[in-house]
Amino acid sequence: MNDKKVLHIITAISMAGWSLLFRKKGDTKDWFLIYFIKSLISTLIDIPVVKRKYVRYPIRYFPKVFQSNIVFLYIIFPLLCVSYNQFTYKMKPLKTLFSVLLFSIPMTLIEGVLEKKTRLVKYNKGWNALFTFLTLTGTFWIVRLCIGVIRLLDQKLNSNSATPGEKEQGA
């Protein structure tokens, strides 16, 4: 199978994954927020990594416009981050730290296979699967922390904006 076909298959599977954003578990606005935070963080990390040629994406969509693989950067990684946050939604913080491995290890292994068997991703200048693993794990944790802080702030703002009668009833 040629690399373009592999990219098309990955894209189709990823697009089907958008249904994860609408799962009932939790708050849909949180899932969209997580999706966009992960996209932003991934972009901020990916731009210098690609510019310095640590990672290249020889086969990609819109090669004249994007140096990165937009399927990985804007569909796969954010969707998996949403899945991680949905999976860990009610977990205690320590458990979420270890649960990330269920997402970052398979992603790292798949990217490693793609790096060896296709031209979809190529590592250079000492970049390897360990850097990919650490980057994925770190960004999952950062996004989980960001959404946790946003939820906490939202709770505080909502409790402070309650009227005096509502505060007395809640007590």
C-alpha atoms as a PDB file:
ATOM      1  CA  MET A   1       0.000   0.000   0.000  1.00  0.00           C
ATOM      2  CA  ASN A   2       1.434   3.391  -0.882  1.00  0.00           C
ATOM      3  CA  ASP A   3       1.950   6.196   1.602  1.00  0.00           C
ATOM      4  CA  LYS A   4      -0.834   8.404   0.219  1.00  0.00           C
ATOM      5  CA  LYS A   5      -3.361   5.593   0.720  1.00  0.00           C
ATOM      6  CA  VAL A   6      -2.163   5.093   4.295  1.00  0.00           C
ATOM      7  CA  LEU A   7      -2.596   8.834   4.897  1.00  0.00           C
ATOM      8  CA  HIS A   8      -6.121   8.734   3.419  1.00  0.00           C
ATOM      9  CA  ILE A   9      -7.086   5.759   5.614  1.00  0.00           C
ATOM     10  CA  ILE A  10      -5.687   7.436   8.725  1.00  0.00           C
ATOM     11  CA  THR A  11      -7.576  10.606   7.808  1.00  0.00           C
ATOM     12  CA  ALA A  12     -10.880   8.763   7.344  1.00  0.00           C
ATOM     13  CA  ILE A  13     -10.538   6.931  10.657  1.00  0.00           C
ATOM     14  CA  SER A  14      -9.592  10.178  12.396  1.00  0.00           C
ATOM     15  CA  MET A  15     -12.539  12.085  10.958  1.00  0.00           C
ATOM     16  CA  ALA A  16     -14.857   9.380  12.286  1.00  0.00           C
ATOM     17  CA  GLY A  17     -13.302  10.026  15.694  1.00  0.00           C
ATOM     18  CA  TRP A  18     -14.911  13.458  15.850  1.00  0.00           C
ATOM     19  CA  SER A  19     -17.960  11.712  17.282  1.00  0.00           C
ATOM     20  CA  LEU A  20     -15.920  11.515  20.516  1.00  0.00           C
ATOM     21  CA  LEU A  21     -16.515  15.224  20.976  1.00  0.00           C
ATOM     22  CA  PHE A  22     -20.223  14.566  21.417  1.00  0.00           C
ATOM     23  CA  ARG A  23     -20.133  11.725  23.934  1.00  0.00           C
ATOM     24  CA  LYS A  24     -22.532  12.198  26.817  1.00  0.00           C
ATOM     25  CA  LYS A  25     -19.910  11.690  29.519  1.00  0.00           C
ATOM     26  CA  GLY A  26     -19.012  15.148  30.806  1.00  0.00           C
ATOM     27  CA  ASP A  27     -19.546  18.532  29.252  1.00  0.00           C
ATOM     28  CA  THR A  28     -19.355  18.971  25.464  1.00  0.00           C
ATOM     29  CA  LYS A  29     -17.967  22.503  25.774  1.00  0.00           C
ATOM     30  CA  ASP A  30     -15.060  21.067  27.776  1.00  0.00           C
ATOM     31  CA  TRP A  31     -14.299  18.559  25.017  1.00  0.00           C
ATOM     32  CA  PHE A  32     -14.196  21.295  22.380  1.00  0.00           C
ATOM     33  CA  LEU A  33     -12.045  23.447  24.651  1.00  0.00           C
ATOM     34  CA  ILE A  34      -9.648  20.535  25.197  1.00  0.00           C
ATOM     35  CA  TYR A  35      -9.546  19.930  21.447  1.00  0.00           C
ATOM     36  CA  PHE A  36      -8.559  23.534  20.748  1.00  0.00           C
ATOM     37  CA  ILE A  37      -6.086  23.791  23.650  1.00  0.00           C
ATOM     38  CA  LYS A  38      -4.345  20.602  22.468  1.00  0.00           C
ATOM     39  CA  SER A  39      -4.251  21.921  18.888  1.00  0.00           C
ATOM     40  CA  LEU A  40      -2.677  25.167  20.074  1.00  0.00           C
ATOM     41  CA  ILE A  41      -0.082  23.478  22.289  1.00  0.00           C
ATOM     42  CA  SER A  42       0.778  20.951  19.569  1.00  0.00           C
ATOM     43  CA  THR A  43       1.219  23.748  17.047  1.00  0.00           C
ATOM     44  CA  LEU A  44       3.470  25.727  19.393  1.00  0.00           C
ATOM     45  CA  ILE A  45       5.661  22.652  19.896  1.00  0.00           C
ATOM     46  CA  ASP A  46       5.539  21.391  16.313  1.00  0.00           C
ATOM     47  CA  ILE A  47       6.527  24.629  14.575  1.00  0.00           C
ATOM     48  CA  PRO A  48      10.073  24.851  16.005  1.00  0.00           C
ATOM     49  CA  VAL A  49      10.563  21.063  15.832  1.00  0.00           C
ATOM     50  CA  VAL A  50       9.687  21.043  12.110  1.00  0.00           C
ATOM     51  CA  LYS A  51      11.541  24.300  11.337  1.00  0.00           C
ATOM     52  CA  ARG A  52      14.714  22.867  12.880  1.00  0.00           C
ATOM     53  CA  LYS A  53      14.073  19.665  10.876  1.00  0.00           C
ATOM     54  CA  TYR A  54      14.031  17.291  13.854  1.00  0.00           C
ATOM     55  CA  VAL A  55      10.857  15.795  12.380  1.00  0.00           C
ATOM     56  CA  ARG A  56       9.762  15.938   8.743  1.00  0.00           C
ATOM     57  CA  TYR A  57       6.521  14.959   7.079  1.00  0.00           C
ATOM     58  CA  PRO A  58       7.466  14.169   3.453  1.00  0.00           C
ATOM     59  CA  ILE A  59       3.957  12.970   2.515  1.00  0.00           C
ATOM     60  CA  ARG A  60       1.261  15.344   3.762  1.00  0.00           C
ATOM     61  CA  TYR A  61      -1.766  17.312   2.684  1.00  0.00           C
ATOM     62  CA  PHE A  62      -1.181  20.834   1.313  1.00  0.00           C
ATOM     63  CA  PRO A  63       2.631  20.588   1.273  1.00  0.00           C
ATOM     64  CA  LYS A  64       3.004  24.116  -0.130  1.00  0.00           C
ATOM     65  CA  VAL A  65       1.038  25.570   2.782  1.00  0.00           C
ATOM     66  CA  PHE A  66       1.916  23.341   5.768  1.00  0.00           C
ATOM     67  CA  GLN A  67       5.256  21.847   6.766  1.00  0.00           C
ATOM     68  CA  SER A  68       3.459  19.704   9.365  1.00  0.00           C
ATOM     69  CA  ASN A  69       1.077  16.852   8.880  1.00  0.00           C
ATOM     70  CA  ILE A  70      -2.235  18.534   9.639  1.00  0.00           C
ATOM     71  CA  VAL A  71      -4.008  15.194  10.149  1.00  0.00           C
ATOM     72  CA  PHE A  72      -1.723  14.314  13.063  1.00  0.00           C
ATOM     73  CA  LEU A  73      -1.526  17.839  14.420  1.00  0.00           C
ATOM     74  CA  TYR A  74      -5.151  18.969  14.146  1.00  0.00           C
ATOM     75  CA  ILE A  75      -7.198  15.775  14.169  1.00  0.00           C
ATOM     76  CA  ILE A  76      -5.464  12.731  15.692  1.00  0.00           C
ATOM     77  CA  PHE A  77      -3.570  14.308  18.611  1.00  0.00           C
ATOM     78  CA  PRO A  78      -6.428  16.582  19.750  1.00  0.00           C
ATOM     79  CA  LEU A  79      -9.009  13.781  19.479  1.00  0.00           C
ATOM     80  CA  LEU A  80      -6.854  11.437  21.514  1.00  0.00           C
ATOM     81  CA  CYS A  81      -6.400  14.179  24.089  1.00  0.00           C
ATOM     82  CA  VAL A  82     -10.194  14.551  24.280  1.00  0.00           C
ATOM     83  CA  SER A  83     -10.442  10.759  24.723  1.00  0.00           C
ATOM     84  CA  TYR A  84      -7.836  10.869  27.489  1.00  0.00           C
ATOM     85  CA  ASN A  85      -9.751  13.629  29.277  1.00  0.00           C
ATOM     86  CA  GLN A  86     -13.048  11.777  28.878  1.00  0.00           C
ATOM     87  CA  PHE A  87     -11.410   8.589  30.185  1.00  0.00           C
ATOM     88  CA  THR A  88      -9.944  10.390  33.209  1.00  0.00           C
ATOM     89  CA  TYR A  89     -12.910  12.729  33.783  1.00  0.00           C
ATOM     90  CA  LYS A  90     -13.748  11.484  37.311  1.00  0.00           C
ATOM     91  CA  MET A  91     -10.344  10.006  38.207  1.00  0.00           C
ATOM     92  CA  LYS A  92      -8.176  11.138  41.057  1.00  0.00           C
ATOM     93  CA  PRO A  93      -5.148  13.205  39.932  1.00  0.00           C
ATOM     94  CA  LEU A  94      -2.560  10.494  40.640  1.00  0.00           C
ATOM     95  CA  LYS A  95      -4.472   7.965  38.521  1.00  0.00           C
ATOM     96  CA  THR A  96      -4.644  10.431  35.613  1.00  0.00           C
ATOM     97  CA  LEU A  97      -0.846  10.710  35.661  1.00  0.00           C
ATOM     98  CA  PHE A  98      -0.502   6.994  34.932  1.00  0.00           C
ATOM     99  CA  SER A  99      -3.548   6.685  32.667  1.00  0.00           C
ATOM    100  CA  VAL A 100      -1.836   8.898  30.110  1.00  0.00           C
ATOM    101  CA  LEU A 101       0.389   5.936  29.278  1.00  0.00           C
ATOM    102  CA  LEU A 102      -2.631   4.147  27.771  1.00  0.00           C
ATOM    103  CA  PHE A 103      -2.702   6.915  25.151  1.00  0.00           C
ATOM    104  CA  SER A 104       0.891   8.090  24.682  1.00  0.00           C
ATOM    105  CA  ILE A 105       2.524   4.645  24.430  1.00  0.00           C
ATOM    106  CA  PRO A 106       0.295   3.347  21.581  1.00  0.00           C
ATOM    107  CA  MET A 107       0.594   6.691  19.763  1.00  0.00           C
ATOM    108  CA  THR A 108       4.371   6.570  20.059  1.00  0.00           C
ATOM    109  CA  LEU A 109       4.488   2.966  18.833  1.00  0.00           C
ATOM    110  CA  ILE A 110       2.240   3.724  15.851  1.00  0.00           C
ATOM    111  CA  GLU A 111       4.304   6.775  14.927  1.00  0.00           C
ATOM    112  CA  GLY A 112       7.434   4.631  15.215  1.00  0.00           C
ATOM    113  CA  VAL A 113       5.990   2.099  12.771  1.00  0.00           C
ATOM    114  CA  LEU A 114       4.960   4.902  10.404  1.00  0.00           C
ATOM    115  CA  GLU A 115       8.459   6.384  10.662  1.00  0.00           C
ATOM    116  CA  LYS A 116      10.092   3.071   9.754  1.00  0.00           C
ATOM    117  CA  LYS A 117       7.632   1.792   7.137  1.00  0.00           C
ATOM    118  CA  THR A 118       6.322   4.952   5.390  1.00  0.00           C
ATOM    119  CA  ARG A 119       7.335   8.450   4.374  1.00  0.00           C
ATOM    120  CA  LEU A 120       4.570  10.024   6.477  1.00  0.00           C
ATOM    121  CA  VAL A 121       6.998  10.974   9.244  1.00  0.00           C
ATOM    122  CA  LYS A 122      10.799  11.015   9.397  1.00  0.00           C
ATOM    123  CA  TYR A 123      13.002  11.620  12.425  1.00  0.00           C
ATOM    124  CA  ASN A 124      16.272  13.555  12.059  1.00  0.00           C
ATOM    125  CA  LYS A 125      19.034  15.092  14.159  1.00  0.00           C
ATOM    126  CA  GLY A 126      18.670  12.662  17.047  1.00  0.00           C
ATOM    127  CA  TRP A 127      14.884  12.869  17.366  1.00  0.00           C
ATOM    128  CA  ASN A 128      13.488   9.482  18.338  1.00  0.00           C
ATOM    129  CA  ALA A 129      10.455   7.738  19.806  1.00  0.00           C
ATOM    130  CA  LEU A 130      11.441   8.783  23.346  1.00  0.00           C
ATOM    131  CA  PHE A 131      11.124  12.474  22.423  1.00  0.00           C
ATOM    132  CA  THR A 132       7.770  11.759  20.798  1.00  0.00           C
ATOM    133  CA  PHE A 133       6.599   9.882  23.900  1.00  0.00           C
ATOM    134  CA  LEU A 134       7.726  12.643  26.270  1.00  0.00           C
ATOM    135  CA  THR A 135       6.124  15.338  24.104  1.00  0.00           C
ATOM    136  CA  LEU A 136       2.813  13.492  23.854  1.00  0.00           C
ATOM    137  CA  THR A 137       2.708  12.634  27.543  1.00  0.00           C
ATOM    138  CA  GLY A 138       3.657  16.161  28.566  1.00  0.00           C
ATOM    139  CA  THR A 139       1.061  17.805  26.337  1.00  0.00           C
ATOM    140  CA  PHE A 140      -1.674  15.467  27.576  1.00  0.00           C
ATOM    141  CA  TRP A 141      -0.810  16.444  31.159  1.00  0.00           C
ATOM    142  CA  ILE A 142      -0.603  20.150  30.329  1.00  0.00           C
ATOM    143  CA  VAL A 143      -4.030  20.095  28.679  1.00  0.00           C
ATOM    144  CA  ARG A 144      -5.490  18.082  31.598  1.00  0.00           C
ATOM    145  CA  LEU A 145      -4.090  20.673  34.007  1.00  0.00           C
ATOM    146  CA  CYS A 146      -5.426  23.570  31.890  1.00  0.00           C
ATOM    147  CA  ILE A 147      -8.954  22.152  31.758  1.00  0.00           C
ATOM    148  CA  GLY A 148      -8.799  21.427  35.493  1.00  0.00           C
ATOM    149  CA  VAL A 149      -7.874  25.051  36.214  1.00  0.00           C
ATOM    150  CA  ILE A 150     -10.606  26.282  33.840  1.00  0.00           C
ATOM    151  CA  ARG A 151     -13.204  24.094  35.581  1.00  0.00           C
ATOM    152  CA  LEU A 152     -12.071  25.336  38.994  1.00  0.00           C
ATOM    153  CA  LEU A 153     -12.261  28.979  37.895  1.00  0.00           C
ATOM    154  CA  ASP A 154     -15.666  28.369  36.327  1.00  0.00           C
ATOM    155  CA  GLN A 155     -16.908  26.826  39.591  1.00  0.00           C
ATOM    156  CA  LYS A 156     -15.633  29.783  41.617  1.00  0.00           C
ATOM    157  CA  LEU A 157     -17.151  32.319  39.234  1.00  0.00           C
ATOM    158  CA  ASN A 158     -20.495  30.518  39.269  1.00  0.00           C
ATOM    159  CA  SER A 159     -20.544  30.240  43.075  1.00  0.00           C
ATOM    160  CA  ASN A 160     -19.610  33.923  43.473  1.00  0.00           C
ATOM    161  CA  SER A 161     -22.282  35.074  41.037  1.00  0.00           C
ATOM    162  CA  ALA A 162     -25.120  33.318  42.895  1.00  0.00           C
ATOM    163  CA  THR A 163     -27.638  35.634  44.545  1.00  0.00           C
ATOM    164  CA  PRO A 164     -27.720  35.776  48.392  1.00  0.00           C
ATOM    165  CA  GLY A 165     -30.911  33.670  48.454  1.00  0.00           C
ATOM    166  CA  GLU A 166     -29.329  31.003  46.267  1.00  0.00           C
ATOM    167  CA  LYS A 167     -26.226  30.943  48.505  1.00  0.00           C
ATOM    168  CA  GLU A 168     -28.383  30.356  51.611  1.00  0.00           C
ATOM    169  CA  GLN A 169     -30.314  27.543  49.917  1.00  0.00           C
ATOM    170  CA  GLY A 170     -27.073  25.861  48.813  1.00  0.00           C
ATOM    171  CA  ALA A 171     -25.700  25.869  52.388  1.00  0.00           C
END
